[in-house]
PDB file of N, CA and C in Angstrom:
ATOM      1  N   MET A   1      -5.367   6.825 -12.644  1.00  0.00           N
ATOM      2  CA  MET A   1      -3.713   7.522 -12.922  1.00  0.00           C
ATOM      3  C   MET A   1      -3.944   6.984 -14.091  1.00  0.00           C
ATOM      4  N   ALA A   2      -2.563   7.387 -13.928  1.00  0.00           N
ATOM      5  CA  ALA A   2      -1.750   8.634 -15.301  1.00  0.00           C
ATOM      6  C   ALA A   2      -1.020   7.454 -15.841  1.00  0.00           C
ATOM      7  N   PRO A   3      -0.272   7.611 -17.023  1.00  0.00           N
ATOM      8  CA  PRO A   3       0.761   6.482 -17.784  1.00  0.00           C
ATOM      9  C   PRO A   3       1.960   6.273 -16.625  1.00  0.00           C
ATOM     10  N   ASN A   4       2.851   5.732 -16.540  1.00  0.00           N
ATOM     11  CA  ASN A   4       4.512   5.602 -16.314  1.00  0.00           C
ATOM     12  C   ASN A   4       3.722   6.382 -14.938  1.00  0.00           C
ATOM     13  N   GLN A   5       2.788   5.342 -14.290  1.00  0.00           N
ATOM     14  CA  GLN A   5       3.064   5.586 -12.672  1.00  0.00           C
ATOM     15  C   GLN A   5       3.276   4.058 -11.976  1.00  0.00           C
ATOM     16  N   LYS A   6       4.250   3.989 -10.912  1.00  0.00           N
ATOM     17  CA  LYS A   6       4.576   2.571 -10.387  1.00  0.00           C
ATOM     18  C   LYS A   6       3.633   2.481  -9.096  1.00  0.00           C
ATOM     19  N   TRP A   7       3.002   2.085  -8.643  1.00  0.00           N
ATOM     20  CA  TRP A   7       2.073   1.343  -7.250  1.00  0.00           C
ATOM     21  C   TRP A   7       2.518   0.216  -7.141  1.00  0.00           C
ATOM     22  N   VAL A   8       2.828   0.392  -5.290  1.00  0.00           N
ATOM     23  CA  VAL A   8       3.657  -0.896  -4.933  1.00  0.00           C
ATOM     24  C   VAL A   8       2.471  -1.128  -3.834  1.00  0.00           C
ATOM     25  N   GLY A   9       1.949  -2.102  -3.316  1.00  0.00           N
ATOM     26  CA  GLY A   9       0.903  -2.253  -2.403  1.00  0.00           C
ATOM     27  C   GLY A   9       0.799  -3.615  -1.152  1.00  0.00           C
ATOM     28  N   ASP A  10       0.807  -4.243  -0.274  1.00  0.00           N
ATOM     29  CA  ASP A  10       0.917  -5.416   0.142  1.00  0.00           C
ATOM     30  C   ASP A  10      -0.468  -5.180   1.562  1.00  0.00           C
ATOM     31  N   ILE A  11      -0.721  -6.907   1.572  1.00  0.00           N
ATOM     32  CA  ILE A  11      -1.793  -6.684   2.568  1.00  0.00           C
ATOM     33  C   ILE A  11      -0.961  -7.719   3.751  1.00  0.00           C
ATOM     34  N   THR A  12      -1.030  -7.339   4.915  1.00  0.00           N
ATOM     35  CA  THR A  12      -0.746  -8.083   6.294  1.00  0.00           C
ATOM     36  C   THR A  12      -2.131  -8.413   6.855  1.00  0.00           C
ATOM     37  N   TYR A  13      -2.381  -9.280   7.279  1.00  0.00           N
ATOM     38  CA  TYR A  13      -3.394  -9.727   8.040  1.00  0.00           C
ATOM     39  C   TYR A  13      -2.541 -10.618   9.995  1.00  0.00           C
ATOM     40  N   LEU A  14      -3.072  -9.908  10.902  1.00  0.00           N
ATOM     41  CA  LEU A  14      -2.733 -10.362  12.052  1.00  0.00           C
ATOM     42  C   LEU A  14      -3.971 -11.266  12.690  1.00  0.00           C
ATOM     43  N   ALA A  15      -3.697 -12.361  13.326  1.00  0.00           N
ATOM     44  CA  ALA A  15      -5.086 -12.879  14.252  1.00  0.00           C
ATOM     45  C   ALA A  15      -5.146 -11.777  15.621  1.00  0.00           C
ATOM     46  N   THR A  16      -6.160 -11.680  16.024  1.00  0.00           N
ATOM     47  CA  THR A  16      -6.521 -11.088  16.919  1.00  0.00           C
ATOM     48  C   THR A  16      -7.508 -12.078  18.131  1.00  0.00           C
ATOM     49  N   GLY A  17      -8.058 -11.461  19.548  1.00  0.00           N
ATOM     50  CA  GLY A  17      -8.472 -12.490  20.335  1.00  0.00           C
ATOM     51  C   GLY A  17     -10.401 -12.426  19.605  1.00  0.00           C
ATOM     52  N   GLU A  18     -10.747 -11.168  18.465  1.00  0.00           N
ATOM     53  CA  GLU A  18     -12.047 -11.300  18.036  1.00  0.00           C
ATOM     54  C   GLU A  18     -11.600 -11.328  16.764  1.00  0.00           C
ATOM     55  N   GLY A  19     -10.959 -11.727  16.052  1.00  0.00           N
ATOM     56  CA  GLY A  19     -10.972 -12.027  14.566  1.00  0.00           C
ATOM     57  C   GLY A  19      -9.733 -11.567  13.574  1.00  0.00           C
ATOM     58  N   TRP A  20      -9.570 -11.722  12.583  1.00  0.00           N
ATOM     59  CA  TRP A  20      -8.663 -10.977  12.005  1.00  0.00           C
ATOM     60  C   TRP A  20      -8.763  -9.812  11.502  1.00  0.00           C
ATOM     61  N   LEU A  21      -7.407  -9.015  11.506  1.00  0.00           N
ATOM     62  CA  LEU A  21      -7.134  -8.021  11.539  1.00  0.00           C
ATOM     63  C   LEU A  21      -6.170  -7.502  10.250  1.00  0.00           C
ATOM     64  N   TYR A  22      -6.895  -6.917   9.091  1.00  0.00           N
ATOM     65  CA  TYR A  22      -5.979  -6.625   7.929  1.00  0.00           C
ATOM     66  C   TYR A  22      -6.041  -5.272   7.904  1.00  0.00           C
ATOM     67  N   LEU A  23      -4.399  -5.199   6.989  1.00  0.00           N
ATOM     68  CA  LEU A  23      -3.934  -3.993   7.077  1.00  0.00           C
ATOM     69  C   LEU A  23      -3.298  -3.866   5.477  1.00  0.00           C
ATOM     70  N   THR A  24      -3.913  -2.899   4.472  1.00  0.00           N
ATOM     71  CA  THR A  24      -3.500  -2.555   3.809  1.00  0.00           C
ATOM     72  C   THR A  24      -3.075  -1.709   3.286  1.00  0.00           C
ATOM     73  N   VAL A  25      -1.718  -1.606   2.242  1.00  0.00           N
ATOM     74  CA  VAL A  25      -1.010  -0.229   1.909  1.00  0.00           C
ATOM     75  C   VAL A  25      -0.573  -0.124   0.760  1.00  0.00           C
ATOM     76  N   LEU A  26      -0.993   0.807   0.518  1.00  0.00           N
ATOM     77  CA  LEU A  26      -0.781   1.326  -1.245  1.00  0.00           C
ATOM     78  C   LEU A  26       0.103   2.332  -1.177  1.00  0.00           C
ATOM     79  N   ILE A  27       1.091   2.307  -2.358  1.00  0.00           N
ATOM     80  CA  ILE A  27       2.130   3.329  -2.032  1.00  0.00           C
ATOM     81  C   ILE A  27       2.424   3.941  -3.730  1.00  0.00           C
ATOM     82  N   CYS A  28       2.040   4.839  -3.934  1.00  0.00           N
ATOM     83  CA  CYS A  28       2.692   5.563  -5.149  1.00  0.00           C
ATOM     84  C   CYS A  28       3.993   5.843  -5.094  1.00  0.00           C
ATOM     85  N   ARG A  29       4.719   5.010  -6.050  1.00  0.00           N
ATOM     86  CA  ARG A  29       6.283   5.191  -6.470  1.00  0.00           C
ATOM     87  C   ARG A  29       6.949   5.553  -7.830  1.00  0.00           C
ATOM     88  N   CYS A  30       6.351   6.592  -8.147  1.00  0.00           N
ATOM     89  CA  CYS A  30       6.354   7.615  -9.140  1.00  0.00           C
ATOM     90  C   CYS A  30       7.121   8.404  -8.570  1.00  0.00           C
ATOM     91  N   ARG A  31       7.953   8.823  -9.968  1.00  0.00           N
ATOM     92  CA  ARG A  31       8.960   9.736  -9.622  1.00  0.00           C
ATOM     93  C   ARG A  31       8.877  11.683  -8.798  1.00  0.00           C
ATOM     94  N   HIS A  32       7.437  11.834  -9.281  1.00  0.00           N
ATOM     95  CA  HIS A  32       6.612  13.101  -9.016  1.00  0.00           C
ATOM     96  C   HIS A  32       6.577  12.882  -7.329  1.00  0.00           C
ATOM     97  N   CYS A  33       6.178  11.520  -6.776  1.00  0.00           N
ATOM     98  CA  CYS A  33       6.009  11.577  -5.494  1.00  0.00           C
ATOM     99  C   CYS A  33       7.289  11.263  -4.528  1.00  0.00           C
ATOM    100  N   GLN A  34       7.942  11.043  -4.886  1.00  0.00           N
ATOM    101  CA  GLN A  34       8.889  10.440  -4.447  1.00  0.00           C
ATOM    102  C   GLN A  34      10.414  12.568  -3.792  1.00  0.00           C
ATOM    103  N   ARG A  35       9.546  12.991  -4.490  1.00  0.00           N
ATOM    104  CA  ARG A  35      10.640  14.611  -4.458  1.00  0.00           C
ATOM    105  C   ARG A  35      10.353  15.121  -2.943  1.00  0.00           C
ATOM    106  N   HIS A  36       8.888  14.741  -1.441  1.00  0.00           N
ATOM    107  CA  HIS A  36       9.196  15.376  -0.436  1.00  0.00           C
ATOM    108  C   HIS A  36      10.328  14.699   0.249  1.00  0.00           C
TER     109      HIS A  36
END
């Protein structure tokens, strides 16, 4: 990671018939990533 970068993350879990399903998302919120 470089200085002045912002990261946002979230973890969601869902109950399924076979157990728990985990979904993890990590997003770069730095300015050079938002140009697209």
